[in-house]
Protein backbone atom coordinates (compact mmCIF):
# COMPACT_ATOMS: atom_id res chain seq x y z
CA MET A 1 108.74 175.57 159.34
CA ILE A 2 106.94 173.83 156.65
CA SER A 3 104.57 171.36 157.88
CA SER A 4 105.57 167.14 156.82
CA THR A 5 102.01 167.88 154.45
CA ARG A 6 102.76 170.83 153.42
CA ARG A 7 106.52 169.85 152.45
CA VAL A 8 104.72 166.69 150.48
CA LEU A 9 102.02 169.65 148.51
CA VAL A 10 105.46 171.57 147.43
CA LEU A 11 106.99 168.33 146.27
CA SER A 12 104.48 167.06 144.17
CA PRO A 13 104.79 169.01 141.24
CA LEU A 14 108.07 167.88 141.27
CA ALA A 15 107.42 164.16 141.53
CA TRP A 16 104.43 164.47 138.60
CA ALA A 17 107.52 166.03 136.52
CA LEU A 18 110.17 163.38 136.98
CA ALA A 19 107.69 160.66 137.09
CA PRO A 20 107.48 160.50 133.19
CA LEU A 21 111.41 160.39 132.62
CA LEU A 22 111.95 158.26 135.79
CA ALA A 23 109.15 155.88 134.55
CA PRO A 24 111.49 154.19 131.72
CA LEU A 25 113.50 152.97 133.91
CA ALA A 26 111.94 150.27 135.46
CA HIS A 27 111.97 148.20 131.89
CA ALA A 28 115.79 147.80 132.33
CA ALA A 29 115.89 147.33 136.25
CA SER A 30 118.20 144.46 135.52
CA PRO A 31 121.04 142.89 133.02
CA ILE A 32 120.05 140.33 130.77
CA GLU A 33 121.98 137.22 130.16
CA ALA A 34 122.64 135.82 126.32
CA GLY A 35 124.98 133.37 126.06
CA GLY A 36 126.63 133.44 128.43
CA VAL A 37 127.54 137.49 127.72
CA THR A 38 125.85 139.83 130.29
CA PHE A 39 124.26 143.26 129.28
CA VAL A 40 124.33 146.17 130.93
CA PRO A 41 120.75 148.02 132.03
CA THR A 42 122.52 151.15 130.17
CA GLN A 43 124.66 152.62 128.22
CA GLN A 44 125.83 155.58 127.61
CA LEU A 45 125.79 157.26 124.22
CA GLN A 46 127.28 160.90 124.38
CA GLN A 47 124.33 163.32 126.52
CA SER A 48 122.02 159.95 126.59
CA THR A 49 120.76 157.18 128.47
CA LEU A 50 120.41 154.10 126.55
CA LEU A 51 117.93 151.45 127.74
CA LEU A 52 118.45 147.66 127.56
CA ASN A 53 115.25 147.16 125.50
CA GLY A 54 116.15 143.46 125.04
CA ALA A 55 118.43 140.84 123.98
CA GLY A 56 119.41 137.47 122.81
CA VAL A 57 121.01 134.58 120.48
CA ARG A 58 121.40 134.28 116.86
CA TYR A 59 121.92 130.90 115.90
CA LYS A 60 123.38 128.79 113.18
CA ALA A 61 121.73 125.63 113.12
CA VAL A 62 122.74 123.97 116.81
CA PHE A 63 125.95 126.24 116.77
CA LYS A 64 125.73 130.30 119.28
CA VAL A 65 127.28 132.42 116.42
CA TYR A 66 126.53 135.84 118.54
CA ALA A 67 124.81 137.41 121.42
CA ALA A 68 122.99 141.20 120.65
CA GLY A 69 121.30 143.95 123.29
CA LEU A 70 119.21 146.23 121.63
CA TYR A 71 119.48 150.20 123.50
CA LEU A 72 117.00 152.54 123.17
CA GLU A 73 115.88 156.01 124.84
CA LYS A 74 112.65 154.50 125.99
CA PRO A 75 111.12 150.77 125.57
CA ALA A 76 110.18 149.55 122.12
CA HIS A 77 108.46 146.43 121.27
CA THR A 78 108.20 146.30 117.41
CA GLN A 79 109.94 147.20 114.39
CA ALA A 80 107.63 150.29 113.73
CA GLU A 81 107.81 151.47 117.21
CA VAL A 82 111.70 151.00 117.40
CA TYR A 83 111.98 152.91 113.83
CA ALA A 84 109.73 155.77 114.88
CA LEU A 85 111.22 156.40 117.51
CA SER A 86 113.48 159.84 116.78
CA GLY A 87 116.59 159.93 119.61
CA ARG A 88 120.42 157.51 120.29
CA LYS A 89 120.42 153.69 119.30
CA ARG A 90 122.55 150.82 120.13
CA LEU A 91 122.97 147.21 118.85
CA VAL A 92 125.75 145.43 120.55
CA VAL A 93 127.28 142.17 119.56
CA GLN A 94 129.18 139.47 120.94
CA MET A 95 130.99 136.62 119.23
CA LEU A 96 130.48 133.77 120.68
CA ARG A 97 132.39 131.98 118.13
CA GLU A 98 135.15 132.94 116.03
CA ILE A 99 133.86 133.75 112.56
CA ASP A 100 135.41 134.96 109.45
CA SER A 101 134.66 138.87 108.85
CA THR A 102 134.25 139.16 104.83
CA GLU A 103 132.27 136.10 105.53
CA LEU A 104 130.03 138.42 108.25
CA GLY A 105 129.56 141.22 106.16
CA LYS A 106 128.31 139.63 102.90
CA LEU A 107 125.63 138.17 105.98
CA PHE A 108 124.76 141.62 106.54
CA SER A 109 125.06 143.04 103.39
CA ARG A 110 122.27 140.19 102.21
CA GLY A 111 119.98 140.34 105.09
CA MET A 112 119.85 144.05 104.41
CA GLU A 113 118.91 143.91 100.96
CA ASP A 114 116.22 140.60 101.62
CA ASN A 115 114.16 143.11 104.34
CA MET A 116 114.19 145.82 101.85
CA ASP A 117 112.50 146.69 98.46
CA LYS A 118 114.60 146.45 95.22
CA ALA A 119 114.39 150.20 94.65
CA ALA A 120 114.91 151.64 99.18
CA PHE A 121 118.56 148.76 98.61
CA SER A 122 119.86 150.65 95.60
CA LYS A 123 120.36 153.63 97.55
CA ILE A 124 122.54 152.25 100.19
CA VAL A 125 124.57 150.15 98.20
CA PRO A 126 127.60 152.47 99.14
CA GLY A 127 126.86 152.45 102.65
CA VAL A 128 126.43 148.52 101.81
CA LEU A 129 129.50 148.18 100.21
CA ARG A 130 131.38 150.26 102.73
CA MET A 131 130.09 148.44 105.61
CA GLY A 132 131.51 144.81 103.58
CA GLN A 133 135.56 146.56 103.50
CA ILE A 134 134.76 147.38 107.21
CA PHE A 135 134.62 144.18 108.11
CA SER A 136 136.67 142.22 105.68
CA ASP A 137 139.53 144.66 106.22
CA HIS A 138 139.09 142.57 109.75
CA LYS A 139 139.93 139.06 109.04
CA LYS A 140 138.52 137.47 111.55
CA LEU A 141 136.67 138.38 114.28
CA GLN A 142 137.14 136.00 117.32
CA VAL A 143 135.40 134.38 120.97
CA GLY A 144 134.94 137.61 122.13
CA ASP A 145 135.03 140.29 120.15
CA GLN A 146 132.81 142.94 120.12
CA PHE A 147 131.02 145.42 117.39
CA MET A 148 128.84 148.45 117.26
CA VAL A 149 126.00 150.19 115.57
CA ASP A 150 125.17 153.31 116.50
CA TRP A 151 122.67 156.13 115.48
CA ILE A 152 122.96 159.32 116.88
CA PRO A 153 120.95 161.82 115.14
CA GLY A 154 122.21 164.83 113.21
CA THR A 155 125.74 162.37 112.69
CA GLY A 156 124.64 159.38 111.08
CA THR A 157 125.86 154.87 111.81
CA LEU A 158 128.88 154.68 113.37
CA ILE A 159 130.93 151.08 113.80
CA THR A 160 132.84 150.64 116.54
CA VAL A 161 134.57 146.48 116.34
CA ARG A 162 136.65 146.34 119.00
CA GLY A 163 136.25 149.40 120.55
CA GLN A 164 137.66 151.32 117.81
CA GLN A 165 135.20 152.90 114.94
CA GLN A 166 135.86 152.73 112.06
CA GLY A 167 136.09 155.87 110.08
CA ASP A 168 133.42 158.80 109.15
CA ALA A 169 129.64 158.05 109.73
CA PHE A 170 127.52 156.77 107.67
CA LYS A 171 125.50 159.96 106.05
CA GLU A 172 122.39 157.72 104.73
CA PRO A 173 119.28 158.44 106.69
CA GLU A 174 117.88 154.99 105.63
CA PHE A 175 120.98 152.90 106.73
CA PHE A 176 120.67 152.20 110.39
CA ASN A 177 117.29 151.06 109.99
CA ALA A 178 118.92 149.07 106.90
CA LEU A 179 121.08 147.54 109.10
CA LEU A 180 118.33 147.12 111.91
CA GLY A 181 116.12 145.28 109.56
CA ILE A 182 118.41 141.64 109.58
CA TRP A 183 117.81 141.42 113.01
CA LEU A 184 113.90 143.28 113.07
CA GLY A 185 112.86 143.60 110.06
CA PRO A 186 110.22 140.21 107.91
CA GLN A 187 112.78 137.81 107.34
CA PRO A 188 115.50 138.51 110.38
CA ALA A 189 118.13 136.74 111.18
CA ASP A 190 116.94 134.77 114.03
CA TRP A 191 113.46 134.84 114.83
CA LYS A 192 114.40 133.68 118.64
CA LEU A 193 116.23 136.89 118.15
CA LYS A 194 114.13 139.26 117.23
CA ASP A 195 111.74 138.84 119.92
CA GLY A 196 114.75 138.99 123.06
CA LEU A 197 115.44 142.33 120.98
CA LEU A 198 111.95 143.16 120.98
CA GLY A 199 111.74 142.43 124.74
CA LYS A 200 109.82 139.92 123.57
CA THR A 201 111.67 136.96 125.75
CA ALA A 202 112.89 136.56 128.99
């Protein structure tokens, strides 16, 4: 029979091995509420469990436009740290007011361009045009409608609107980071939202 002391010694190596895997879960122990939308602590993307890095609300003047949550495989608190992560990533956006989808697509395109140099932006123009068409096809996004942007290594960027994947993946490796630049870049759509997505605000 193994004594309790011996048992601790036997299990300790396993505990040490699991500690780095379990520690990040402490950073996403509870959901985050933003603009009346509750973002759950974890989401599953294929075989990966993503942790809620942060969330916030996009305002235009005093009006709430949408709430967004960023999910990553490990916490990141700067744009560079988010970009440096090689694993799966997900941005979840839920509308808080009705908006013309074509206009939203144009705003996203402009946000990408504003946060990139011209040479880099020119390389992803085909993807930008296709993204604009995806949103244009939906006419309007209503309050409560949700879309997601996923990065899957080896596959590319997938856009899902109202639970439906929108065509094939965007293959350009720069495209996902360019999209994230809308919210995390040097000229973000909303500075408070940027801080929220990076986990810098409650």
